[in-house]
Protein backbone atom coordinates (compact mmCIF):
# COMPACT_ATOMS: atom_id res chain seq x y z
CA MET A 1 82.06 150.46 56.78
CA LYS A 2 83.69 149.09 53.67
CA PHE A 3 81.53 148.80 50.52
CA GLU A 4 82.53 145.12 49.86
CA GLN A 5 81.71 144.09 53.40
CA ALA A 6 78.40 145.75 53.26
CA VAL A 7 77.56 144.08 49.87
CA ARG A 8 78.68 140.71 51.08
CA GLU A 9 76.50 141.01 54.28
CA CYS A 10 73.41 141.29 52.11
CA GLN A 11 72.47 137.82 51.11
CA GLU A 12 70.36 138.80 48.03
CA ILE A 13 73.32 140.54 46.32
CA ALA A 14 76.47 139.08 47.93
CA PHE A 15 77.39 137.37 44.70
CA ALA A 16 77.18 140.51 42.73
CA PHE A 17 80.40 142.35 44.13
CA GLN A 18 83.04 142.94 41.45
CA PRO A 19 86.46 144.71 41.76
CA GLY A 20 86.70 148.20 40.32
CA LEU A 21 84.06 148.85 37.68
CA GLN A 22 83.80 145.27 36.44
CA ALA A 23 80.15 145.05 37.37
CA LEU A 24 79.21 147.75 34.77
CA ARG A 25 77.52 146.42 31.70
CA PRO A 26 79.50 146.99 28.39
CA MET A 27 76.92 149.37 27.07
CA ASP A 28 77.20 151.61 30.20
CA ARG A 29 80.96 151.54 30.53
CA SER A 30 81.49 154.38 27.99
CA HIS A 31 79.49 156.78 30.23
CA ILE A 32 81.51 156.25 33.46
CA PHE A 33 85.19 157.17 34.07
CA CYS A 34 87.59 157.23 36.97
CA GLY A 35 91.03 158.89 36.81
CA LYS A 36 92.15 156.91 39.83
CA PRO A 37 90.65 153.43 39.53
CA ARG A 38 92.71 152.08 42.46
CA ARG A 39 90.59 154.28 44.72
CA LEU A 40 87.51 152.34 43.78
CA SER A 41 86.70 149.37 46.15
CA GLY A 42 84.19 147.70 43.84
CA SER A 43 80.93 147.71 42.00
CA ILE A 44 77.64 145.96 41.84
CA ASP A 45 75.05 145.60 39.11
CA LEU A 46 72.15 145.87 41.43
CA ASP A 47 69.54 145.83 38.66
CA PHE A 48 70.88 142.45 37.26
CA ALA A 49 71.38 140.98 40.77
CA LEU A 50 67.77 141.52 41.66
CA SER A 51 66.17 140.99 38.30
CA PHE A 52 65.27 137.33 38.94
CA ASP A 53 63.90 137.85 42.35
CA LEU A 54 62.12 141.23 41.65
CA PRO A 55 61.37 141.20 37.92
CA ASN A 56 58.72 143.92 37.97
CA ALA A 57 60.46 146.24 40.47
CA THR A 58 61.72 149.67 39.25
CA ARG A 59 65.28 148.80 40.11
CA TRP A 60 68.25 151.07 40.36
CA ASP A 61 71.32 150.20 38.19
CA TYR A 62 74.69 150.27 40.04
CA GLY A 63 76.45 150.88 43.24
CA ILE A 64 80.16 151.93 43.15
CA GLY A 65 82.36 151.87 46.34
CA VAL A 66 84.95 154.67 46.68
CA ARG A 67 87.70 154.36 49.20
CA CYS A 68 88.19 157.42 51.36
CA ARG A 69 91.03 158.67 53.47
CA GLN A 70 88.96 157.88 56.58
CA ALA A 71 88.15 154.21 57.43
CA ASP A 72 84.73 153.99 55.69
CA ASP A 73 84.09 153.90 52.01
CA ASN A 74 81.61 156.09 50.15
CA VAL A 75 79.02 154.78 47.67
CA ILE A 76 77.91 156.29 44.48
CA TRP A 77 74.51 154.98 43.28
CA ILE A 78 74.30 155.37 39.50
CA GLU A 79 71.38 155.10 37.26
CA VAL A 80 72.01 155.15 33.53
CA HIS A 81 68.65 155.98 31.95
CA PRO A 82 67.32 158.04 28.98
CA ALA A 83 66.54 161.67 29.53
CA SER A 84 64.86 162.22 26.19
CA SER A 85 61.59 163.50 27.74
CA THR A 86 60.56 165.13 31.04
CA GLY A 87 58.54 162.05 31.73
CA GLU A 88 61.68 160.08 32.51
CA ILE A 89 62.14 162.13 35.67
CA LYS A 90 59.11 160.33 37.19
CA ILE A 91 60.66 157.05 36.33
CA VAL A 92 64.07 157.92 37.91
CA LEU A 93 62.40 159.33 40.99
CA ALA A 94 60.35 156.11 41.33
CA LYS A 95 63.71 154.07 41.03
CA LEU A 96 65.29 156.18 43.76
CA LYS A 97 62.34 155.60 46.14
CA TRP A 98 62.61 151.87 45.22
CA LEU A 99 66.39 151.94 46.01
CA LYS A 100 65.99 153.76 49.37
CA ASP A 101 63.16 151.45 50.42
CA TRP A 102 65.04 148.29 49.26
CA LEU A 103 68.14 149.30 51.05
CA ALA A 104 66.29 150.14 54.28
CA GLU A 105 64.61 146.73 54.33
CA ASN A 106 67.31 144.56 52.89
CA ALA A 107 70.71 146.12 53.09
CA PRO A 108 70.93 148.51 56.11
CA GLU A 109 74.71 148.16 56.04
CA LEU A 110 74.80 149.65 52.52
CA LEU A 111 72.35 152.33 53.54
CA SER A 112 74.60 153.32 56.34
CA ILE A 113 77.49 154.19 53.94
CA SER A 114 77.64 157.76 52.93
CA GLY A 115 76.87 158.23 49.41
CA HIS A 116 75.01 160.09 46.72
CA TYR A 117 72.79 159.37 43.73
CA VAL A 118 73.74 160.12 40.11
CA TRP A 119 71.71 159.93 36.92
CA ILE A 120 73.67 159.53 33.75
CA ALA A 121 71.68 160.19 30.54
CA THR A 122 71.71 158.01 27.42
CA GLY A 123 70.96 159.85 24.30
CA THR A 124 69.61 163.42 24.07
CA VAL A 125 68.58 165.39 27.10
CA ALA A 126 65.20 167.11 27.07
CA PHE A 127 65.59 169.44 30.05
CA PRO A 128 68.18 172.28 30.11
CA ALA A 129 70.50 173.04 32.96
CA ASN A 130 68.41 175.64 34.80
CA SER A 131 65.03 174.00 34.21
CA PRO A 132 62.55 173.17 36.92
CA GLN A 133 63.10 169.53 36.08
CA ARG A 134 66.67 169.80 37.15
CA ARG A 135 65.83 171.65 40.24
CA GLN A 136 63.25 168.80 40.98
CA LEU A 137 66.08 166.25 40.66
CA ALA A 138 68.50 168.21 42.83
CA ALA A 139 65.79 168.57 45.60
CA ALA A 140 65.36 164.76 45.53
CA GLY A 141 69.14 164.41 45.99
CA ILE A 142 69.87 163.34 42.39
CA GLN A 143 72.89 164.68 40.63
CA PHE A 144 72.09 164.75 36.95
CA VAL A 145 75.33 164.65 35.00
CA GLY A 146 74.44 164.46 31.35
CA SER A 147 75.92 161.54 29.37
CA ARG A 148 79.30 161.27 31.00
CA TYR A 149 80.36 160.98 34.63
CA GLU A 150 83.79 161.07 36.10
CA ILE A 151 84.04 159.52 39.52
CA GLN A 152 85.80 161.87 41.91
CA THR A 153 88.20 160.08 44.23
CA THR A 154 89.70 163.01 46.22
């Protein structure tokens, strides 16, 4: 399924689709790069789109659609969040749980698209590369990338 089509089929966020990386907030744009932007099918600011309906939820930040050689798109779910203490891991894990639950209940089309979860750090990082915290994130399916992320479009 195409990312844009899946977003548009979800009534709560249909308005949030933007071409390329246009849905990214200015403060987060400096953390995310793409060498082949034409391979991006679009983006959504999920956090903002649901902030009025779900103000107290631990919302995930972004979804970015990537065109693939096969018919279906892939989606990268990106959380831009501080990593200045190990306590932030619990918050990001709670956000991931919220995202998966919300997608299953409200956007099964988006959930059906192959994808992965990425945490981009803002500021300093409190846990080194081979730490138990990084292994915990990897076990949960979250790719921790530090403060910069380049979207691979191969």
